[in-house]
Amino acid sequence: MRHALRTTLTGMVAAVTVLVGGTAHATPPGPGVSARLISLTTVGDTDYVVREITVPPGQSTGWHYHDGPLYALVRQGTLSHFDSGCASDGVYRKGSTVQEPAGPGNIHIGRNLGSTPLVLDVLYVLPHGAPFSEDAPNPGCPFQ
């Protein structure tokens, strides 16, 4: 299943990258986190956006959720992913795929607890015009 998802994600990223290259609207990344647009296209009322996200060691994405599903491939480093109950819901190493469901009921944070930069290739499937993420308050976890 993981291999099939990775193959599908890699194919989707390649297809979207070929379809469109250009500028996009972006929301500012969290402290220490950088994002680079790879491609953006709109089909009907859905935006398909591919971005490269880099999270330095010791940094995080901040608490947030997405208005549409997100699919990612860990290109470098390790992503430690936490849900709104403060529990780890996954540790994803290089080559792993990550899926995040949509909606405010899916608040989460991605943290780089390692010593090397975390680099993700991310495919966002969003309602047209939606931001990449919606900020959310810390749900009471002892970390940011």
N, C-alpha and C. Protein backbone atom coordinates (compact mmCIF):
# COMPACT_ATOMS: atom_id res chain seq x y z
N MET A 1 0.82 -1.20 0.00
CA MET A 1 0.00 0.00 0.00
C MET A 1 0.86 1.26 0.00
N ARG A 2 1.92 1.28 0.84
CA ARG A 2 2.78 2.46 0.90
C ARG A 2 3.47 2.69 -0.45
N HIS A 3 3.94 1.59 -1.07
CA HIS A 3 4.61 1.72 -2.37
C HIS A 3 3.65 2.26 -3.41
N ALA A 4 2.42 1.78 -3.42
CA ALA A 4 1.42 2.24 -4.38
C ALA A 4 1.12 3.72 -4.16
N LEU A 5 0.98 4.14 -2.90
CA LEU A 5 0.70 5.55 -2.61
C LEU A 5 1.88 6.42 -3.03
N ARG A 6 3.11 5.97 -2.74
CA ARG A 6 4.29 6.73 -3.13
C ARG A 6 4.36 6.87 -4.65
N THR A 7 4.10 5.78 -5.36
CA THR A 7 4.12 5.82 -6.82
C THR A 7 3.05 6.76 -7.34
N THR A 8 1.84 6.68 -6.77
CA THR A 8 0.75 7.56 -7.19
C THR A 8 1.10 9.01 -6.92
N LEU A 9 1.62 9.31 -5.71
CA LEU A 9 1.98 10.68 -5.36
C LEU A 9 3.06 11.20 -6.28
N THR A 10 4.09 10.40 -6.55
CA THR A 10 5.17 10.84 -7.42
C THR A 10 4.63 11.14 -8.81
N GLY A 11 3.75 10.30 -9.31
CA GLY A 11 3.13 10.53 -10.62
C GLY A 11 2.29 11.78 -10.64
N MET A 12 1.52 12.02 -9.55
CA MET A 12 0.67 13.21 -9.48
C MET A 12 1.53 14.48 -9.44
N VAL A 13 2.61 14.46 -8.66
CA VAL A 13 3.49 15.62 -8.58
C VAL A 13 4.09 15.89 -9.96
N ALA A 14 4.53 14.84 -10.65
CA ALA A 14 5.12 15.02 -11.97
C ALA A 14 4.09 15.57 -12.95
N ALA A 15 2.88 15.05 -12.91
CA ALA A 15 1.83 15.50 -13.84
C ALA A 15 1.47 16.96 -13.60
N VAL A 16 1.31 17.34 -12.34
CA VAL A 16 0.95 18.73 -12.04
C VAL A 16 2.11 19.65 -12.39
N THR A 17 3.34 19.22 -12.14
CA THR A 17 4.50 20.03 -12.46
C THR A 17 4.58 20.29 -13.96
N VAL A 18 4.30 19.30 -14.77
CA VAL A 18 4.33 19.46 -16.21
C VAL A 18 3.21 20.39 -16.68
N LEU A 19 2.05 20.30 -16.06
CA LEU A 19 0.90 21.09 -16.49
C LEU A 19 1.11 22.59 -16.33
N VAL A 20 1.67 22.98 -15.19
CA VAL A 20 1.74 24.41 -14.91
C VAL A 20 3.01 24.73 -14.15
N GLY A 21 3.64 25.82 -14.52
CA GLY A 21 4.71 26.39 -13.73
C GLY A 21 4.36 27.87 -13.63
N GLY A 22 4.65 28.51 -12.53
CA GLY A 22 4.31 29.92 -12.45
C GLY A 22 4.22 30.39 -11.03
N THR A 23 3.68 31.58 -10.88
CA THR A 23 3.57 32.16 -9.56
C THR A 23 2.24 31.77 -8.94
N ALA A 24 2.16 31.89 -7.64
CA ALA A 24 0.93 31.54 -6.93
C ALA A 24 0.77 32.45 -5.73
N HIS A 25 -0.44 32.47 -5.23
CA HIS A 25 -0.70 33.18 -3.99
C HIS A 25 -0.18 32.30 -2.85
N ALA A 26 0.42 32.89 -1.87
CA ALA A 26 0.99 32.10 -0.78
C ALA A 26 0.71 32.78 0.55
N THR A 27 0.50 31.96 1.56
CA THR A 27 0.41 32.50 2.91
C THR A 27 1.79 32.34 3.53
N PRO A 28 2.18 33.24 4.42
CA PRO A 28 3.52 33.16 5.00
C PRO A 28 3.74 31.87 5.77
N PRO A 29 4.88 31.23 5.61
CA PRO A 29 5.18 30.03 6.40
C PRO A 29 5.48 30.41 7.85
N GLY A 30 5.46 29.43 8.73
CA GLY A 30 5.77 29.67 10.14
C GLY A 30 7.23 30.02 10.33
N PRO A 31 7.63 30.41 11.53
CA PRO A 31 9.01 30.80 11.82
C PRO A 31 10.00 29.70 11.43
N GLY A 32 10.99 30.08 10.62
CA GLY A 32 12.04 29.14 10.24
C GLY A 32 11.66 28.18 9.14
N VAL A 33 10.41 28.20 8.70
CA VAL A 33 9.95 27.29 7.67
C VAL A 33 9.91 28.04 6.35
N SER A 34 10.42 27.40 5.29
CA SER A 34 10.37 28.04 3.98
C SER A 34 9.58 27.17 3.02
N ALA A 35 9.00 27.80 2.02
CA ALA A 35 8.21 27.10 1.01
C ALA A 35 8.57 27.63 -0.36
N ARG A 36 8.65 26.72 -1.32
CA ARG A 36 8.94 27.09 -2.70
C ARG A 36 7.86 26.50 -3.58
N LEU A 37 7.22 27.34 -4.36
CA LEU A 37 6.18 26.87 -5.27
C LEU A 37 6.81 26.11 -6.42
N ILE A 38 6.27 24.94 -6.70
CA ILE A 38 6.70 24.17 -7.85
C ILE A 38 5.68 24.33 -8.97
N SER A 39 4.39 24.20 -8.65
CA SER A 39 3.37 24.40 -9.68
C SER A 39 2.01 24.65 -9.07
N LEU A 40 1.14 25.23 -9.90
CA LEU A 40 -0.24 25.51 -9.51
C LEU A 40 -1.11 25.38 -10.74
N THR A 41 -2.20 24.67 -10.62
CA THR A 41 -3.19 24.61 -11.69
C THR A 41 -4.56 24.51 -11.07
N THR A 42 -5.55 24.98 -11.80
CA THR A 42 -6.93 24.91 -11.34
C THR A 42 -7.73 24.11 -12.35
N VAL A 43 -8.46 23.12 -11.85
CA VAL A 43 -9.36 22.33 -12.68
C VAL A 43 -10.74 22.46 -12.04
N GLY A 44 -11.66 23.06 -12.78
CA GLY A 44 -12.98 23.31 -12.20
C GLY A 44 -12.85 24.23 -11.01
N ASP A 45 -13.35 23.78 -9.87
CA ASP A 45 -13.28 24.60 -8.66
C ASP A 45 -12.23 24.09 -7.67
N THR A 46 -11.22 23.37 -8.19
CA THR A 46 -10.18 22.80 -7.33
C THR A 46 -8.80 23.27 -7.77
N ASP A 47 -8.01 23.74 -6.80
CA ASP A 47 -6.62 24.11 -7.05
C ASP A 47 -5.72 22.93 -6.68
N TYR A 48 -4.79 22.61 -7.57
CA TYR A 48 -3.78 21.59 -7.32
C TYR A 48 -2.45 22.32 -7.24
N VAL A 49 -1.83 22.28 -6.07
CA VAL A 49 -0.62 23.06 -5.83
C VAL A 49 0.46 22.11 -5.32
N VAL A 50 1.64 22.22 -5.93
CA VAL A 50 2.79 21.44 -5.47
C VAL A 50 3.81 22.43 -4.93
N ARG A 51 4.25 22.18 -3.68
CA ARG A 51 5.24 23.04 -3.03
C ARG A 51 6.31 22.18 -2.39
N GLU A 52 7.49 22.74 -2.29
CA GLU A 52 8.57 22.14 -1.51
C GLU A 52 8.62 22.89 -0.19
N ILE A 53 8.48 22.18 0.91
CA ILE A 53 8.49 22.78 2.24
C ILE A 53 9.77 22.34 2.95
N THR A 54 10.49 23.29 3.54
CA THR A 54 11.70 22.97 4.31
C THR A 54 11.50 23.45 5.74
N VAL A 55 11.74 22.55 6.67
CA VAL A 55 11.62 22.86 8.10
C VAL A 55 12.99 22.62 8.74
N PRO A 56 13.63 23.68 9.24
CA PRO A 56 14.94 23.51 9.87
C PRO A 56 14.86 22.66 11.14
N PRO A 57 15.99 22.09 11.55
CA PRO A 57 16.02 21.32 12.80
C PRO A 57 15.48 22.15 13.97
N GLY A 58 14.67 21.52 14.79
CA GLY A 58 14.12 22.18 15.98
C GLY A 58 12.92 23.07 15.71
N GLN A 59 12.47 23.17 14.46
CA GLN A 59 11.35 24.04 14.11
C GLN A 59 10.10 23.22 13.80
N SER A 60 8.98 23.93 13.61
CA SER A 60 7.72 23.26 13.31
C SER A 60 6.91 24.08 12.31
N THR A 61 5.85 23.46 11.83
CA THR A 61 4.93 24.13 10.91
C THR A 61 3.96 25.05 11.64
N GLY A 62 3.86 24.92 12.94
CA GLY A 62 2.82 25.60 13.69
C GLY A 62 1.53 24.80 13.59
N TRP A 63 0.61 25.03 14.51
CA TRP A 63 -0.67 24.32 14.51
C TRP A 63 -1.54 24.85 13.37
N HIS A 64 -2.13 23.94 12.62
CA HIS A 64 -2.93 24.35 11.47
C HIS A 64 -3.80 23.19 10.98
N TYR A 65 -4.63 23.49 10.00
CA TYR A 65 -5.38 22.47 9.26
C TYR A 65 -5.48 22.94 7.82
N HIS A 66 -6.00 22.09 6.96
CA HIS A 66 -6.14 22.41 5.54
C HIS A 66 -7.60 22.30 5.11
N ASP A 67 -7.99 23.13 4.14
CA ASP A 67 -9.36 23.10 3.62
C ASP A 67 -9.58 21.99 2.60
N GLY A 68 -8.53 21.30 2.23
CA GLY A 68 -8.61 20.16 1.32
C GLY A 68 -7.54 19.16 1.73
N PRO A 69 -7.58 17.96 1.19
CA PRO A 69 -6.59 16.95 1.56
C PRO A 69 -5.19 17.34 1.07
N LEU A 70 -4.20 16.82 1.76
CA LEU A 70 -2.80 17.09 1.45
C LEU A 70 -2.08 15.75 1.35
N TYR A 71 -1.16 15.66 0.40
CA TYR A 71 -0.35 14.46 0.21
C TYR A 71 1.10 14.90 0.12
N ALA A 72 1.99 14.22 0.84
CA ALA A 72 3.39 14.64 0.86
C ALA A 72 4.32 13.45 0.77
N LEU A 73 5.50 13.74 0.27
CA LEU A 73 6.59 12.78 0.21
C LEU A 73 7.76 13.39 0.99
N VAL A 74 8.32 12.64 1.93
CA VAL A 74 9.47 13.11 2.70
C VAL A 74 10.72 12.88 1.84
N ARG A 75 11.33 13.97 1.38
CA ARG A 75 12.53 13.86 0.55
C ARG A 75 13.80 13.80 1.38
N GLN A 76 13.77 14.43 2.56
CA GLN A 76 14.97 14.47 3.41
C GLN A 76 14.53 14.66 4.85
N GLY A 77 15.26 14.06 5.78
CA GLY A 77 14.98 14.25 7.20
C GLY A 77 13.83 13.39 7.69
N THR A 78 13.29 13.77 8.84
CA THR A 78 12.21 13.03 9.47
C THR A 78 11.14 13.99 9.96
N LEU A 79 9.89 13.71 9.59
CA LEU A 79 8.74 14.49 10.03
C LEU A 79 8.12 13.79 11.23
N SER A 80 8.00 14.51 12.35
CA SER A 80 7.25 14.04 13.51
C SER A 80 5.92 14.78 13.49
N HIS A 81 4.85 14.03 13.39
CA HIS A 81 3.51 14.60 13.16
C HIS A 81 2.67 14.37 14.41
N PHE A 82 1.97 15.42 14.86
CA PHE A 82 1.18 15.33 16.09
C PHE A 82 -0.23 15.83 15.84
N ASP A 83 -1.21 15.17 16.47
CA ASP A 83 -2.61 15.57 16.34
C ASP A 83 -3.01 16.51 17.47
N SER A 84 -4.26 16.95 17.46
CA SER A 84 -4.72 17.93 18.45
C SER A 84 -4.84 17.35 19.85
N GLY A 85 -4.69 16.06 20.01
CA GLY A 85 -4.66 15.45 21.34
C GLY A 85 -3.25 15.38 21.90
N CYS A 86 -2.30 16.02 21.22
CA CYS A 86 -0.89 16.09 21.62
C CYS A 86 -0.15 14.77 21.42
N ALA A 87 -0.81 13.80 20.78
CA ALA A 87 -0.20 12.49 20.56
C ALA A 87 0.48 12.45 19.19
N SER A 88 1.58 11.73 19.14
CA SER A 88 2.23 11.50 17.86
C SER A 88 1.32 10.61 17.02
N ASP A 89 1.01 11.05 15.81
CA ASP A 89 0.22 10.20 14.93
C ASP A 89 1.04 9.74 13.74
N GLY A 90 2.36 9.86 13.85
CA GLY A 90 3.24 9.33 12.82
C GLY A 90 4.62 9.95 12.86
N VAL A 91 5.61 9.11 12.56
CA VAL A 91 6.98 9.56 12.35
C VAL A 91 7.34 9.08 10.95
N TYR A 92 7.66 10.03 10.08
CA TYR A 92 7.84 9.75 8.66
C TYR A 92 9.27 10.07 8.26
N ARG A 93 9.98 9.05 7.81
CA ARG A 93 11.38 9.21 7.40
C ARG A 93 11.48 9.37 5.88
N LYS A 94 12.67 9.66 5.41
CA LYS A 94 12.93 9.83 3.98
C LYS A 94 12.28 8.70 3.18
N GLY A 95 11.53 9.09 2.14
CA GLY A 95 10.86 8.12 1.28
C GLY A 95 9.45 7.79 1.71
N SER A 96 9.04 8.24 2.90
CA SER A 96 7.69 7.97 3.39
C SER A 96 6.69 8.93 2.76
N THR A 97 5.45 8.48 2.68
CA THR A 97 4.36 9.35 2.23
C THR A 97 3.47 9.70 3.41
N VAL A 98 2.86 10.86 3.32
CA VAL A 98 2.00 11.38 4.38
C VAL A 98 0.69 11.85 3.75
N GLN A 99 -0.42 11.53 4.39
CA GLN A 99 -1.72 12.04 3.98
C GLN A 99 -2.32 12.80 5.14
N GLU A 100 -2.87 13.98 4.86
CA GLU A 100 -3.55 14.75 5.89
C GLU A 100 -4.97 15.04 5.40
N PRO A 101 -5.98 14.64 6.18
CA PRO A 101 -7.36 14.93 5.79
C PRO A 101 -7.70 16.40 5.99
N ALA A 102 -8.76 16.82 5.34
CA ALA A 102 -9.18 18.22 5.36
C ALA A 102 -10.06 18.54 6.56
N GLY A 103 -10.11 19.83 6.88
CA GLY A 103 -11.10 20.35 7.82
C GLY A 103 -10.57 20.72 9.18
N PRO A 104 -11.32 21.59 9.88
CA PRO A 104 -10.90 22.08 11.20
C PRO A 104 -10.92 20.99 12.27
N GLY A 105 -11.50 19.86 11.99
CA GLY A 105 -11.44 18.73 12.93
C GLY A 105 -10.13 17.96 12.83
N ASN A 106 -9.24 18.42 11.95
CA ASN A 106 -7.96 17.73 11.73
C ASN A 106 -6.78 18.66 11.98
N ILE A 107 -6.80 19.34 13.12
CA ILE A 107 -5.70 20.24 13.50
C ILE A 107 -4.48 19.39 13.81
N HIS A 108 -3.32 19.85 13.34
CA HIS A 108 -2.09 19.10 13.53
C HIS A 108 -0.88 20.03 13.47
N ILE A 109 0.27 19.46 13.79
CA ILE A 109 1.54 20.17 13.69
C ILE A 109 2.58 19.19 13.18
N GLY A 110 3.47 19.69 12.32
CA GLY A 110 4.62 18.91 11.87
C GLY A 110 5.86 19.48 12.52
N ARG A 111 6.67 18.60 13.11
CA ARG A 111 7.87 19.05 13.81
C ARG A 111 9.10 18.35 13.26
N ASN A 112 10.20 19.08 13.21
CA ASN A 112 11.48 18.49 12.85
C ASN A 112 12.28 18.34 14.13
N LEU A 113 12.27 17.16 14.69
CA LEU A 113 12.99 16.89 15.94
C LEU A 113 14.39 16.36 15.67
N GLY A 114 14.77 16.27 14.39
CA GLY A 114 16.07 15.75 14.01
C GLY A 114 17.13 16.83 13.92
N SER A 115 18.30 16.43 13.40
CA SER A 115 19.44 17.36 13.30
C SER A 115 19.70 17.83 11.88
N THR A 116 18.88 17.39 10.92
CA THR A 116 19.03 17.83 9.53
C THR A 116 17.72 18.47 9.06
N PRO A 117 17.79 19.34 8.07
CA PRO A 117 16.55 19.95 7.57
C PRO A 117 15.58 18.88 7.06
N LEU A 118 14.31 19.13 7.31
CA LEU A 118 13.23 18.29 6.80
C LEU A 118 12.77 18.92 5.49
N VAL A 119 12.72 18.13 4.41
CA VAL A 119 12.26 18.63 3.12
C VAL A 119 11.11 17.75 2.66
N LEU A 120 9.98 18.39 2.37
CA LEU A 120 8.77 17.69 1.92
C LEU A 120 8.37 18.19 0.54
N ASP A 121 7.92 17.28 -0.33
CA ASP A 121 7.23 17.65 -1.56
C ASP A 121 5.76 17.45 -1.25
N VAL A 122 4.97 18.52 -1.37
CA VAL A 122 3.59 18.51 -0.91
C VAL A 122 2.64 18.82 -2.05
N LEU A 123 1.60 18.00 -2.19
CA LEU A 123 0.52 18.26 -3.13
C LEU A 123 -0.71 18.65 -2.32
N TYR A 124 -1.19 19.88 -2.53
CA TYR A 124 -2.41 20.38 -1.89
C TYR A 124 -3.55 20.24 -2.90
N VAL A 125 -4.68 19.72 -2.46
CA VAL A 125 -5.88 19.64 -3.29
C VAL A 125 -6.92 20.49 -2.56
N LEU A 126 -7.08 21.73 -3.02
CA LEU A 126 -7.83 22.73 -2.27
C LEU A 126 -9.00 23.30 -3.05
N PRO A 127 -10.04 23.73 -2.35
CA PRO A 127 -11.08 24.50 -3.04
C PRO A 127 -10.41 25.74 -3.66
N HIS A 128 -10.86 26.13 -4.84
CA HIS A 128 -10.24 27.25 -5.55
C HIS A 128 -10.15 28.49 -4.66
N GLY A 129 -8.94 29.02 -4.57
CA GLY A 129 -8.72 30.24 -3.80
C GLY A 129 -8.45 30.04 -2.32
N ALA A 130 -8.54 28.82 -1.83
CA ALA A 130 -8.30 28.57 -0.40
C ALA A 130 -6.82 28.74 -0.08
N PRO A 131 -6.50 29.16 1.15
CA PRO A 131 -5.09 29.26 1.55
C PRO A 131 -4.49 27.86 1.69
N PHE A 132 -3.16 27.80 1.70
CA PHE A 132 -2.49 26.51 1.86
C PHE A 132 -2.82 25.87 3.19
N SER A 133 -2.96 26.69 4.22
CA SER A 133 -3.33 26.18 5.54
C SER A 133 -4.08 27.26 6.31
N GLU A 134 -4.78 26.82 7.33
CA GLU A 134 -5.51 27.73 8.23
C GLU A 134 -4.84 27.62 9.59
N ASP A 135 -4.38 28.75 10.14
CA ASP A 135 -3.77 28.74 11.47
C ASP A 135 -4.77 28.28 12.51
N ALA A 136 -4.26 27.59 13.51
CA ALA A 136 -5.08 27.14 14.62
C ALA A 136 -4.30 27.36 15.92
N PRO A 137 -5.02 27.62 17.01
CA PRO A 137 -4.32 27.78 18.30
C PRO A 137 -3.77 26.45 18.79
N ASN A 138 -2.74 26.53 19.61
CA ASN A 138 -2.23 25.32 20.26
C ASN A 138 -3.37 24.74 21.09
N PRO A 139 -3.70 23.46 20.88
CA PRO A 139 -4.83 22.86 21.60
C PRO A 139 -4.52 22.50 23.04
N GLY A 140 -3.41 23.00 23.58
CA GLY A 140 -3.05 22.73 24.97
C GLY A 140 -1.87 21.80 25.12
N CYS A 141 -1.13 21.60 24.04
CA CYS A 141 0.05 20.72 24.08
C CYS A 141 1.23 21.48 24.67
N PRO A 142 2.16 20.77 25.31
CA PRO A 142 3.30 21.43 25.93
C PRO A 142 4.42 21.80 24.95
N PHE A 143 4.11 21.77 23.65
CA PHE A 143 5.09 22.11 22.62
C PHE A 143 4.43 22.91 21.52
N GLN A 144 5.23 23.61 20.75
CA GLN A 144 4.76 24.39 19.60
C GLN A 144 5.32 23.83 18.34
